[in-house]
Amino acid sequence: MRKVFLIPAFLLFIHFSNLFAKDPGDKVDNFSIKNFDGKTYSINDVKDSKGLIIIFWSTKCPFVQAYNDRINDLVSSYQQKGFIFWAINSNKTESASEVDSHAKTNNYVFPVLKDENNTVADMFGATRTPEVFIINKDNVIVYHGRIDDNKDKADVTSNDLANALDEISGGKDVSIKSTKQFGCTIKR
């Protein structure tokens, strides 16, 4: 007699979701988020930047919290070079008011957008927080992965996001287009 194993649908989604993630070289469709701050954010509105950096973010994930003290320095440095940063919170378990409070508490120098119904996370195939995508002027992903290789600042050996941004700033192609991201799963 053959045994049949049933796998819950949510486990299949988690396991196979990275198969459908947008990769470097993929084009991203325009999207707009009408945010809790009253503003609407759209990819088409930032075409004059050197690149749009989208970081999927969380108010609770310990991997994200490890970056709270250092993310502003990174963002401030590259905003001065013409890059735009958006953090996007797609967690169903985190309310817009919680996201707003978290952003204010941490004095973020970039907007944190609330992705109700996981629309943007699903569009990108994003599964983790923090997870980074760099999008160029042509709406093409040129980098997908992590901020760096360790949530503990003292143990970082590769500043992957900064390296990619430096190459773009220097007029070069991103040499390492994809890195393995780590963190908490996006709660759908």
N, C-alpha and C. Protein backbone atom coordinates (compact mmCIF):
# COMPACT_ATOMS: atom_id res chain seq x y z
N MET A 1 0.84 -1.17 0.00
CA MET A 1 0.00 0.00 0.00
C MET A 1 0.89 1.24 0.00
N ARG A 2 0.59 2.17 -0.87
CA ARG A 2 1.35 3.43 -0.94
C ARG A 2 0.83 4.40 0.09
N LYS A 3 1.76 5.07 0.73
CA LYS A 3 1.38 6.11 1.67
C LYS A 3 1.31 7.44 0.92
N VAL A 4 0.33 8.22 1.24
CA VAL A 4 0.17 9.53 0.62
C VAL A 4 0.39 10.58 1.71
N PHE A 5 1.28 11.51 1.41
CA PHE A 5 1.55 12.58 2.35
C PHE A 5 0.94 13.87 1.83
N LEU A 6 0.16 14.48 2.63
CA LEU A 6 -0.44 15.76 2.26
C LEU A 6 0.39 16.88 2.86
N ILE A 7 0.73 17.81 2.03
CA ILE A 7 1.51 18.97 2.49
C ILE A 7 0.58 20.17 2.54
N PRO A 8 0.50 20.83 3.70
CA PRO A 8 -0.36 22.01 3.79
C PRO A 8 0.03 23.05 2.74
N ALA A 9 -0.98 23.72 2.21
CA ALA A 9 -0.76 24.70 1.13
C ALA A 9 0.22 25.79 1.53
N PHE A 10 0.18 26.27 2.77
CA PHE A 10 1.08 27.35 3.14
C PHE A 10 2.55 26.91 3.10
N LEU A 11 2.81 25.63 3.38
CA LEU A 11 4.19 25.14 3.29
C LEU A 11 4.64 25.07 1.84
N LEU A 12 3.75 24.67 0.96
CA LEU A 12 4.08 24.66 -0.46
C LEU A 12 4.39 26.07 -0.93
N PHE A 13 3.59 27.05 -0.50
CA PHE A 13 3.82 28.43 -0.91
C PHE A 13 5.19 28.91 -0.44
N ILE A 14 5.51 28.65 0.81
CA ILE A 14 6.80 29.09 1.35
C ILE A 14 7.94 28.41 0.59
N HIS A 15 7.80 27.12 0.33
CA HIS A 15 8.87 26.38 -0.33
C HIS A 15 9.05 26.82 -1.78
N PHE A 16 7.96 26.99 -2.51
CA PHE A 16 8.04 27.28 -3.94
C PHE A 16 7.99 28.76 -4.28
N SER A 17 7.76 29.63 -3.30
CA SER A 17 7.60 31.05 -3.62
C SER A 17 8.86 31.66 -4.22
N ASN A 18 10.04 31.21 -3.82
CA ASN A 18 11.26 31.76 -4.41
C ASN A 18 11.43 31.37 -5.87
N LEU A 19 10.74 30.32 -6.31
CA LEU A 19 10.79 29.94 -7.72
C LEU A 19 10.16 31.02 -8.59
N PHE A 20 9.29 31.81 -8.00
CA PHE A 20 8.54 32.82 -8.75
C PHE A 20 9.01 34.23 -8.45
N ALA A 21 10.07 34.39 -7.69
CA ALA A 21 10.57 35.72 -7.35
C ALA A 21 11.13 36.40 -8.59
N LYS A 22 10.96 37.70 -8.63
CA LYS A 22 11.58 38.48 -9.71
C LYS A 22 13.08 38.39 -9.53
N ASP A 23 13.77 38.28 -10.64
CA ASP A 23 15.23 38.14 -10.63
C ASP A 23 15.87 39.31 -11.36
N PRO A 24 17.17 39.51 -11.14
CA PRO A 24 17.87 40.52 -11.93
C PRO A 24 17.66 40.25 -13.41
N GLY A 25 17.36 41.34 -14.13
CA GLY A 25 17.05 41.24 -15.55
C GLY A 25 15.56 41.28 -15.83
N ASP A 26 14.74 40.96 -14.81
CA ASP A 26 13.28 41.01 -14.99
C ASP A 26 12.79 42.45 -14.91
N LYS A 27 11.81 42.74 -15.72
CA LYS A 27 11.18 44.07 -15.71
C LYS A 27 10.07 44.07 -14.67
N VAL A 28 9.90 45.21 -14.01
CA VAL A 28 8.87 45.37 -12.99
C VAL A 28 7.79 46.29 -13.55
N ASP A 29 6.55 45.87 -13.42
CA ASP A 29 5.43 46.73 -13.82
C ASP A 29 5.31 47.88 -12.84
N ASN A 30 4.81 49.01 -13.35
CA ASN A 30 4.55 50.13 -12.46
C ASN A 30 3.52 49.70 -11.40
N PHE A 31 3.68 50.21 -10.21
CA PHE A 31 2.67 50.04 -9.18
C PHE A 31 2.59 51.32 -8.38
N SER A 32 1.47 51.50 -7.72
CA SER A 32 1.28 52.66 -6.84
C SER A 32 0.75 52.17 -5.51
N ILE A 33 1.23 52.82 -4.45
CA ILE A 33 0.72 52.55 -3.11
C ILE A 33 0.22 53.87 -2.55
N LYS A 34 -1.07 53.94 -2.23
CA LYS A 34 -1.58 55.08 -1.48
C LYS A 34 -1.32 54.74 -0.03
N ASN A 35 -0.40 55.50 0.56
CA ASN A 35 0.12 55.15 1.88
C ASN A 35 -0.66 55.81 3.00
N PHE A 36 -0.44 55.34 4.21
CA PHE A 36 -1.08 55.90 5.39
C PHE A 36 -0.68 57.35 5.65
N ASP A 37 0.42 57.82 5.06
CA ASP A 37 0.85 59.22 5.23
C ASP A 37 0.10 60.16 4.29
N GLY A 38 -0.83 59.60 3.49
CA GLY A 38 -1.64 60.41 2.58
C GLY A 38 -1.02 60.59 1.20
N LYS A 39 0.21 60.15 1.02
CA LYS A 39 0.89 60.28 -0.27
C LYS A 39 0.73 59.00 -1.08
N THR A 40 0.83 59.16 -2.40
CA THR A 40 0.83 58.01 -3.29
C THR A 40 2.24 57.86 -3.85
N TYR A 41 2.77 56.66 -3.77
CA TYR A 41 4.12 56.35 -4.23
C TYR A 41 3.99 55.45 -5.46
N SER A 42 4.66 55.84 -6.54
CA SER A 42 4.58 55.11 -7.80
C SER A 42 5.97 55.03 -8.42
N ILE A 43 6.30 53.88 -8.98
CA ILE A 43 7.60 53.71 -9.64
C ILE A 43 7.79 54.75 -10.74
N ASN A 44 6.74 55.03 -11.47
CA ASN A 44 6.86 55.98 -12.58
C ASN A 44 7.22 57.39 -12.12
N ASP A 45 7.03 57.69 -10.85
CA ASP A 45 7.36 59.02 -10.33
C ASP A 45 8.82 59.18 -9.95
N VAL A 46 9.61 58.13 -10.01
CA VAL A 46 11.01 58.21 -9.58
C VAL A 46 11.97 57.85 -10.71
N LYS A 47 11.54 58.03 -11.93
CA LYS A 47 12.36 57.67 -13.11
C LYS A 47 13.64 58.51 -13.22
N ASP A 48 13.68 59.68 -12.60
CA ASP A 48 14.86 60.54 -12.69
C ASP A 48 15.95 60.18 -11.69
N SER A 49 15.69 59.19 -10.86
CA SER A 49 16.69 58.79 -9.87
C SER A 49 17.70 57.84 -10.51
N LYS A 50 18.80 57.61 -9.80
CA LYS A 50 19.79 56.62 -10.27
C LYS A 50 19.27 55.20 -10.11
N GLY A 51 18.30 55.05 -9.23
CA GLY A 51 17.70 53.74 -8.99
C GLY A 51 16.75 53.81 -7.81
N LEU A 52 15.78 52.93 -7.82
CA LEU A 52 14.84 52.80 -6.72
C LEU A 52 15.20 51.54 -5.95
N ILE A 53 15.42 51.69 -4.65
CA ILE A 53 15.75 50.56 -3.80
C ILE A 53 14.52 50.27 -2.96
N ILE A 54 13.99 49.07 -3.13
CA ILE A 54 12.84 48.62 -2.34
C ILE A 54 13.36 47.58 -1.36
N ILE A 55 13.07 47.84 -0.08
CA ILE A 55 13.46 46.89 0.98
C ILE A 55 12.19 46.44 1.67
N PHE A 56 11.90 45.16 1.61
CA PHE A 56 10.74 44.64 2.34
C PHE A 56 11.12 44.61 3.82
N TRP A 57 10.26 45.19 4.65
CA TRP A 57 10.59 45.59 6.01
C TRP A 57 9.56 45.07 6.99
N SER A 58 9.87 45.12 8.26
CA SER A 58 8.99 44.63 9.32
C SER A 58 9.18 45.45 10.59
N THR A 59 8.12 45.51 11.38
CA THR A 59 8.24 46.19 12.68
C THR A 59 8.68 45.23 13.78
N LYS A 60 8.58 43.92 13.50
CA LYS A 60 8.82 42.93 14.55
C LYS A 60 10.01 42.00 14.28
N CYS A 61 10.32 41.76 13.05
CA CYS A 61 11.35 40.78 12.72
C CYS A 61 12.69 41.15 13.35
N PRO A 62 13.31 40.26 14.13
CA PRO A 62 14.59 40.59 14.76
C PRO A 62 15.71 40.85 13.75
N PHE A 63 15.61 40.28 12.56
CA PHE A 63 16.62 40.54 11.54
C PHE A 63 16.53 41.98 11.05
N VAL A 64 15.32 42.49 10.92
CA VAL A 64 15.13 43.90 10.53
C VAL A 64 15.56 44.81 11.68
N GLN A 65 15.17 44.47 12.89
CA GLN A 65 15.50 45.32 14.05
C GLN A 65 17.00 45.51 14.20
N ALA A 66 17.76 44.51 13.77
CA ALA A 66 19.22 44.61 13.85
C ALA A 66 19.76 45.73 12.96
N TYR A 67 18.98 46.13 11.96
CA TYR A 67 19.40 47.19 11.03
C TYR A 67 18.86 48.57 11.43
N ASN A 68 18.01 48.66 12.42
CA ASN A 68 17.39 49.94 12.77
C ASN A 68 18.40 51.05 13.01
N ASP A 69 19.49 50.74 13.69
CA ASP A 69 20.47 51.77 14.02
C ASP A 69 21.39 52.14 12.87
N ARG A 70 21.51 51.29 11.86
CA ARG A 70 22.47 51.57 10.80
C ARG A 70 21.86 51.82 9.43
N ILE A 71 20.55 51.54 9.26
CA ILE A 71 19.95 51.70 7.93
C ILE A 71 19.90 53.16 7.52
N ASN A 72 19.64 54.07 8.45
CA ASN A 72 19.58 55.48 8.10
C ASN A 72 20.90 56.00 7.54
N ASP A 73 22.02 55.54 8.09
CA ASP A 73 23.33 55.97 7.57
C ASP A 73 23.51 55.52 6.13
N LEU A 74 23.18 54.27 5.87
CA LEU A 74 23.31 53.74 4.52
C LEU A 74 22.42 54.51 3.55
N VAL A 75 21.15 54.68 3.93
CA VAL A 75 20.19 55.38 3.05
C VAL A 75 20.62 56.82 2.84
N SER A 76 20.97 57.53 3.90
CA SER A 76 21.38 58.94 3.77
C SER A 76 22.55 59.09 2.81
N SER A 77 23.51 58.22 2.93
CA SER A 77 24.70 58.28 2.08
C SER A 77 24.34 58.14 0.60
N TYR A 78 23.44 57.21 0.29
CA TYR A 78 23.12 56.95 -1.12
C TYR A 78 22.00 57.83 -1.65
N GLN A 79 21.17 58.38 -0.78
CA GLN A 79 20.18 59.37 -1.24
C GLN A 79 20.92 60.58 -1.80
N GLN A 80 22.03 60.95 -1.18
CA GLN A 80 22.83 62.09 -1.65
C GLN A 80 23.39 61.83 -3.04
N LYS A 81 23.49 60.56 -3.44
CA LYS A 81 24.02 60.20 -4.75
C LYS A 81 22.91 60.00 -5.78
N GLY A 82 21.66 60.29 -5.40
CA GLY A 82 20.56 60.23 -6.35
C GLY A 82 19.70 58.97 -6.32
N PHE A 83 19.84 58.15 -5.29
CA PHE A 83 19.03 56.95 -5.17
C PHE A 83 17.80 57.23 -4.30
N ILE A 84 16.72 56.54 -4.58
CA ILE A 84 15.47 56.64 -3.81
C ILE A 84 15.28 55.32 -3.07
N PHE A 85 14.91 55.39 -1.80
CA PHE A 85 14.67 54.21 -0.99
C PHE A 85 13.24 54.19 -0.48
N TRP A 86 12.61 53.04 -0.60
CA TRP A 86 11.31 52.79 0.01
C TRP A 86 11.39 51.49 0.78
N ALA A 87 10.96 51.51 2.03
CA ALA A 87 10.75 50.27 2.77
C ALA A 87 9.28 49.92 2.58
N ILE A 88 9.00 48.66 2.36
CA ILE A 88 7.62 48.24 2.16
C ILE A 88 7.30 47.15 3.18
N ASN A 89 6.26 47.41 3.96
CA ASN A 89 5.81 46.44 4.95
C ASN A 89 4.60 45.71 4.37
N SER A 90 4.77 44.41 4.13
CA SER A 90 3.71 43.60 3.54
C SER A 90 3.13 42.60 4.54
N ASN A 91 3.50 42.71 5.79
CA ASN A 91 3.04 41.76 6.79
C ASN A 91 1.59 42.02 7.18
N LYS A 92 0.76 41.00 6.99
CA LYS A 92 -0.66 41.10 7.36
C LYS A 92 -0.81 41.31 8.87
N THR A 93 0.17 40.87 9.63
CA THR A 93 0.10 40.94 11.10
C THR A 93 0.55 42.27 11.68
N GLU A 94 0.91 43.24 10.81
CA GLU A 94 1.40 44.54 11.28
C GLU A 94 0.52 45.63 10.66
N SER A 95 -0.16 46.38 11.50
CA SER A 95 -1.10 47.40 11.03
C SER A 95 -0.36 48.65 10.53
N ALA A 96 -1.08 49.45 9.77
CA ALA A 96 -0.52 50.71 9.26
C ALA A 96 -0.10 51.62 10.41
N SER A 97 -0.89 51.67 11.49
CA SER A 97 -0.52 52.52 12.63
C SER A 97 0.74 52.01 13.31
N GLU A 98 0.90 50.70 13.37
CA GLU A 98 2.12 50.10 13.94
C GLU A 98 3.33 50.42 13.05
N VAL A 99 3.15 50.35 11.75
CA VAL A 99 4.22 50.66 10.80
C VAL A 99 4.63 52.13 10.93
N ASP A 100 3.64 53.00 11.00
CA ASP A 100 3.89 54.43 11.15
C ASP A 100 4.64 54.72 12.45
N SER A 101 4.18 54.14 13.54
CA SER A 101 4.82 54.35 14.85
C SER A 101 6.27 53.85 14.83
N HIS A 102 6.49 52.69 14.25
CA HIS A 102 7.82 52.11 14.17
C HIS A 102 8.76 53.01 13.37
N ALA A 103 8.28 53.53 12.25
CA ALA A 103 9.09 54.43 11.41
C ALA A 103 9.46 55.70 12.18
N LYS A 104 8.50 56.25 12.89
CA LYS A 104 8.77 57.48 13.67
C LYS A 104 9.72 57.22 14.83
N THR A 105 9.53 56.12 15.52
CA THR A 105 10.40 55.76 16.65
C THR A 105 11.85 55.63 16.20
N ASN A 106 12.04 55.09 15.00
CA ASN A 106 13.39 54.85 14.48
C ASN A 106 13.92 56.00 13.61
N ASN A 107 13.13 57.06 13.50
CA ASN A 107 13.54 58.26 12.74
C ASN A 107 14.05 57.92 11.35
N TYR A 108 13.33 57.03 10.66
CA TYR A 108 13.74 56.65 9.32
C TYR A 108 13.77 57.86 8.40
N VAL A 109 14.79 57.92 7.54
CA VAL A 109 14.95 59.02 6.59
C VAL A 109 14.41 58.62 5.22
N PHE A 110 13.59 57.60 5.18
CA PHE A 110 12.97 57.09 3.97
C PHE A 110 11.53 56.73 4.31
N PRO A 111 10.64 56.73 3.32
CA PRO A 111 9.26 56.36 3.62
C PRO A 111 9.12 54.85 3.84
N VAL A 112 8.25 54.51 4.74
CA VAL A 112 7.87 53.11 4.95
C VAL A 112 6.42 53.01 4.48
N LEU A 113 6.19 52.15 3.50
CA LEU A 113 4.89 52.02 2.86
C LEU A 113 4.20 50.75 3.34
N LYS A 114 2.90 50.84 3.49
CA LYS A 114 2.13 49.67 3.92
C LYS A 114 1.50 49.03 2.69
N ASP A 115 1.90 47.82 2.41
CA ASP A 115 1.42 47.03 1.27
C ASP A 115 0.25 46.17 1.74
N GLU A 116 -0.93 46.77 1.73
CA GLU A 116 -2.12 46.03 2.14
C GLU A 116 -2.35 44.89 1.15
N ASN A 117 -2.75 43.76 1.64
CA ASN A 117 -3.07 42.58 0.82
C ASN A 117 -1.86 42.01 0.08
N ASN A 118 -0.66 42.39 0.45
CA ASN A 118 0.58 41.82 -0.11
C ASN A 118 0.71 41.98 -1.62
N THR A 119 0.08 42.97 -2.17
CA THR A 119 0.07 43.14 -3.63
C THR A 119 1.47 43.30 -4.19
N VAL A 120 2.27 44.17 -3.58
CA VAL A 120 3.62 44.43 -4.09
C VAL A 120 4.54 43.25 -3.77
N ALA A 121 4.43 42.70 -2.58
CA ALA A 121 5.25 41.54 -2.23
C ALA A 121 4.98 40.38 -3.20
N ASP A 122 3.72 40.18 -3.53
CA ASP A 122 3.38 39.12 -4.48
C ASP A 122 3.91 39.42 -5.87
N MET A 123 3.83 40.68 -6.27
CA MET A 123 4.33 41.09 -7.59
C MET A 123 5.83 40.79 -7.72
N PHE A 124 6.58 41.04 -6.66
CA PHE A 124 8.03 40.80 -6.67
C PHE A 124 8.39 39.36 -6.32
N GLY A 125 7.45 38.65 -5.71
CA GLY A 125 7.77 37.31 -5.22
C GLY A 125 8.62 37.38 -3.96
N ALA A 126 8.52 38.49 -3.24
CA ALA A 126 9.31 38.68 -2.02
C ALA A 126 8.79 37.74 -0.93
N THR A 127 9.72 37.18 -0.18
CA THR A 127 9.36 36.23 0.87
C THR A 127 9.92 36.59 2.24
N ARG A 128 10.89 37.50 2.32
CA ARG A 128 11.60 37.75 3.57
C ARG A 128 11.65 39.24 3.91
N THR A 129 11.92 39.49 5.18
CA THR A 129 12.27 40.83 5.64
C THR A 129 13.57 40.69 6.43
N PRO A 130 14.60 41.46 6.10
CA PRO A 130 14.67 42.39 4.98
C PRO A 130 15.06 41.68 3.68
N GLU A 131 14.46 42.11 2.59
CA GLU A 131 14.78 41.61 1.26
C GLU A 131 14.82 42.81 0.33
N VAL A 132 15.88 42.92 -0.48
CA VAL A 132 16.16 44.13 -1.25
C VAL A 132 16.04 43.88 -2.76
N PHE A 133 15.47 44.86 -3.45
CA PHE A 133 15.46 44.89 -4.90
C PHE A 133 15.93 46.27 -5.34
N ILE A 134 16.88 46.35 -6.27
CA ILE A 134 17.27 47.62 -6.89
C ILE A 134 16.69 47.61 -8.29
N ILE A 135 15.96 48.68 -8.61
CA ILE A 135 15.30 48.82 -9.90
C ILE A 135 15.91 50.02 -10.62
N ASN A 136 16.31 49.83 -11.88
CA ASN A 136 16.93 50.93 -12.63
C ASN A 136 15.87 51.80 -13.31
N LYS A 137 16.31 52.80 -14.08
CA LYS A 137 15.40 53.76 -14.74
C LYS A 137 14.45 53.09 -15.72
N ASP A 138 14.83 51.92 -16.22
CA ASP A 138 13.99 51.20 -17.18
C ASP A 138 13.07 50.19 -16.50
N ASN A 139 12.95 50.28 -15.19
CA ASN A 139 12.13 49.36 -14.38
C ASN A 139 12.64 47.93 -14.43
N VAL A 140 13.93 47.77 -14.59
CA VAL A 140 14.54 46.44 -14.62
C VAL A 140 15.28 46.22 -13.29
N ILE A 141 15.11 45.04 -12.72
CA ILE A 141 15.80 44.70 -11.48
C ILE A 141 17.27 44.44 -11.81
N VAL A 142 18.16 45.14 -11.09
CA VAL A 142 19.59 44.95 -11.31
C VAL A 142 20.27 44.28 -10.12
N TYR A 143 19.55 44.18 -8.98
CA TYR A 143 20.07 43.48 -7.81
C TYR A 143 18.89 42.96 -7.01
N HIS A 144 19.03 41.75 -6.47
CA HIS A 144 18.03 41.17 -5.58
C HIS A 144 18.77 40.38 -4.50
N GLY A 145 18.47 40.68 -3.25
CA GLY A 145 19.10 39.93 -2.18
C GLY A 145 19.06 40.61 -0.83
N ARG A 146 20.20 40.61 -0.18
CA ARG A 146 20.30 41.07 1.20
C ARG A 146 20.98 42.45 1.26
N ILE A 147 20.92 43.06 2.44
CA ILE A 147 21.62 44.32 2.68
C ILE A 147 23.11 44.04 2.81
N ASP A 148 23.43 43.08 3.65
CA ASP A 148 24.82 42.63 3.83
C ASP A 148 24.77 41.19 4.30
N ASP A 149 25.89 40.62 4.66
CA ASP A 149 25.92 39.19 4.95
C ASP A 149 25.77 38.80 6.41
N ASN A 150 25.45 39.76 7.29
CA ASN A 150 25.27 39.41 8.69
C ASN A 150 24.44 40.46 9.40
N LYS A 151 23.45 40.04 10.15
CA LYS A 151 22.63 41.01 10.87
C LYS A 151 23.42 41.70 11.98
N ASP A 152 24.49 41.06 12.45
CA ASP A 152 25.34 41.66 13.47
C ASP A 152 26.41 42.51 12.78
N LYS A 153 26.35 43.80 13.00
CA LYS A 153 27.23 44.74 12.32
C LYS A 153 28.71 44.36 12.44
N ALA A 154 29.13 43.93 13.60
CA ALA A 154 30.54 43.60 13.83
C ALA A 154 31.01 42.40 13.01
N ASP A 155 30.06 41.59 12.54
CA ASP A 155 30.42 40.37 11.81
C ASP A 155 30.22 40.49 10.30
N VAL A 156 29.89 41.67 9.81
CA VAL A 156 29.66 41.86 8.38
C VAL A 156 30.99 41.77 7.63
N THR A 157 31.02 40.96 6.58
CA THR A 157 32.21 40.85 5.74
C THR A 157 31.93 41.29 4.30
N SER A 158 30.64 41.42 3.94
CA SER A 158 30.28 41.81 2.58
C SER A 158 29.08 42.75 2.61
N ASN A 159 29.30 43.98 2.21
CA ASN A 159 28.24 44.99 2.16
C ASN A 159 27.58 44.96 0.78
N ASP A 160 26.77 43.96 0.55
CA ASP A 160 26.25 43.64 -0.78
C ASP A 160 25.45 44.79 -1.41
N LEU A 161 24.52 45.37 -0.66
CA LEU A 161 23.72 46.46 -1.21
C LEU A 161 24.61 47.67 -1.52
N ALA A 162 25.45 48.06 -0.59
CA ALA A 162 26.35 49.21 -0.81
C ALA A 162 27.28 48.95 -2.00
N ASN A 163 27.78 47.74 -2.13
CA ASN A 163 28.65 47.41 -3.26
C ASN A 163 27.92 47.59 -4.58
N ALA A 164 26.67 47.11 -4.65
CA ALA A 164 25.88 47.25 -5.88
C ALA A 164 25.62 48.73 -6.18
N LEU A 165 25.29 49.51 -5.16
CA LEU A 165 25.03 50.94 -5.36
C LEU A 165 26.29 51.69 -5.79
N ASP A 166 27.43 51.31 -5.23
CA ASP A 166 28.70 51.92 -5.64
C ASP A 166 28.99 51.65 -7.11
N GLU A 167 28.74 50.43 -7.55
CA GLU A 167 28.97 50.10 -8.95
C GLU A 167 28.04 50.89 -9.86
N ILE A 168 26.78 51.01 -9.48
CA ILE A 168 25.83 51.80 -10.27
C ILE A 168 26.27 53.26 -10.31
N SER A 169 26.68 53.79 -9.16
CA SER A 169 27.15 55.18 -9.10
C SER A 169 28.35 55.41 -10.00
N GLY A 170 29.19 54.40 -10.13
CA GLY A 170 30.38 54.49 -10.97
C GLY A 170 30.12 54.18 -12.44
N GLY A 171 28.85 54.01 -12.80
CA GLY A 171 28.51 53.75 -14.20
C GLY A 171 28.79 52.33 -14.64
N LYS A 172 28.95 51.43 -13.68
CA LYS A 172 29.25 50.03 -14.00
C LYS A 172 28.00 49.17 -13.84
N ASP A 173 28.04 47.99 -14.44
CA ASP A 173 27.01 46.99 -14.18
C ASP A 173 27.25 46.40 -12.80
N VAL A 174 26.17 45.97 -12.16
CA VAL A 174 26.30 45.31 -10.86
C VAL A 174 26.94 43.95 -11.09
N SER A 175 28.07 43.70 -10.44
CA SER A 175 28.80 42.45 -10.67
C SER A 175 28.17 41.26 -9.95
N ILE A 176 27.67 41.47 -8.74
CA ILE A 176 26.97 40.40 -8.02
C ILE A 176 25.51 40.82 -7.97
N LYS A 177 24.73 40.24 -8.86
CA LYS A 177 23.35 40.66 -9.07
C LYS A 177 22.37 40.03 -8.10
N SER A 178 22.77 38.94 -7.47
CA SER A 178 21.85 38.23 -6.59
C SER A 178 22.63 37.66 -5.41
N THR A 179 22.06 37.83 -4.22
CA THR A 179 22.63 37.24 -3.01
C THR A 179 21.50 36.56 -2.24
N LYS A 180 21.86 35.61 -1.43
CA LYS A 180 20.84 34.89 -0.65
C LYS A 180 20.41 35.76 0.52
N GLN A 181 19.14 36.13 0.50
CA GLN A 181 18.62 36.94 1.60
C GLN A 181 18.29 36.05 2.79
N PHE A 182 18.25 36.67 3.96
CA PHE A 182 17.89 35.95 5.19
C PHE A 182 16.99 36.85 5.99
N GLY A 183 16.25 36.27 6.89
CA GLY A 183 15.35 37.06 7.72
C GLY A 183 14.08 36.31 8.01
N CYS A 184 13.06 37.06 8.40
CA CYS A 184 11.76 36.49 8.73
C CYS A 184 10.89 36.39 7.48
N THR A 185 9.98 35.45 7.47
CA THR A 185 9.06 35.34 6.34
C THR A 185 8.04 36.46 6.40
N ILE A 186 7.61 36.89 5.23
CA ILE A 186 6.53 37.87 5.13
C ILE A 186 5.24 37.15 5.52
N LYS A 187 4.49 37.73 6.43
CA LYS A 187 3.26 37.10 6.92
C LYS A 187 2.11 37.49 6.01
N ARG A 188 1.63 36.52 5.24
CA ARG A 188 0.54 36.77 4.28
C ARG A 188 -0.81 36.38 4.87
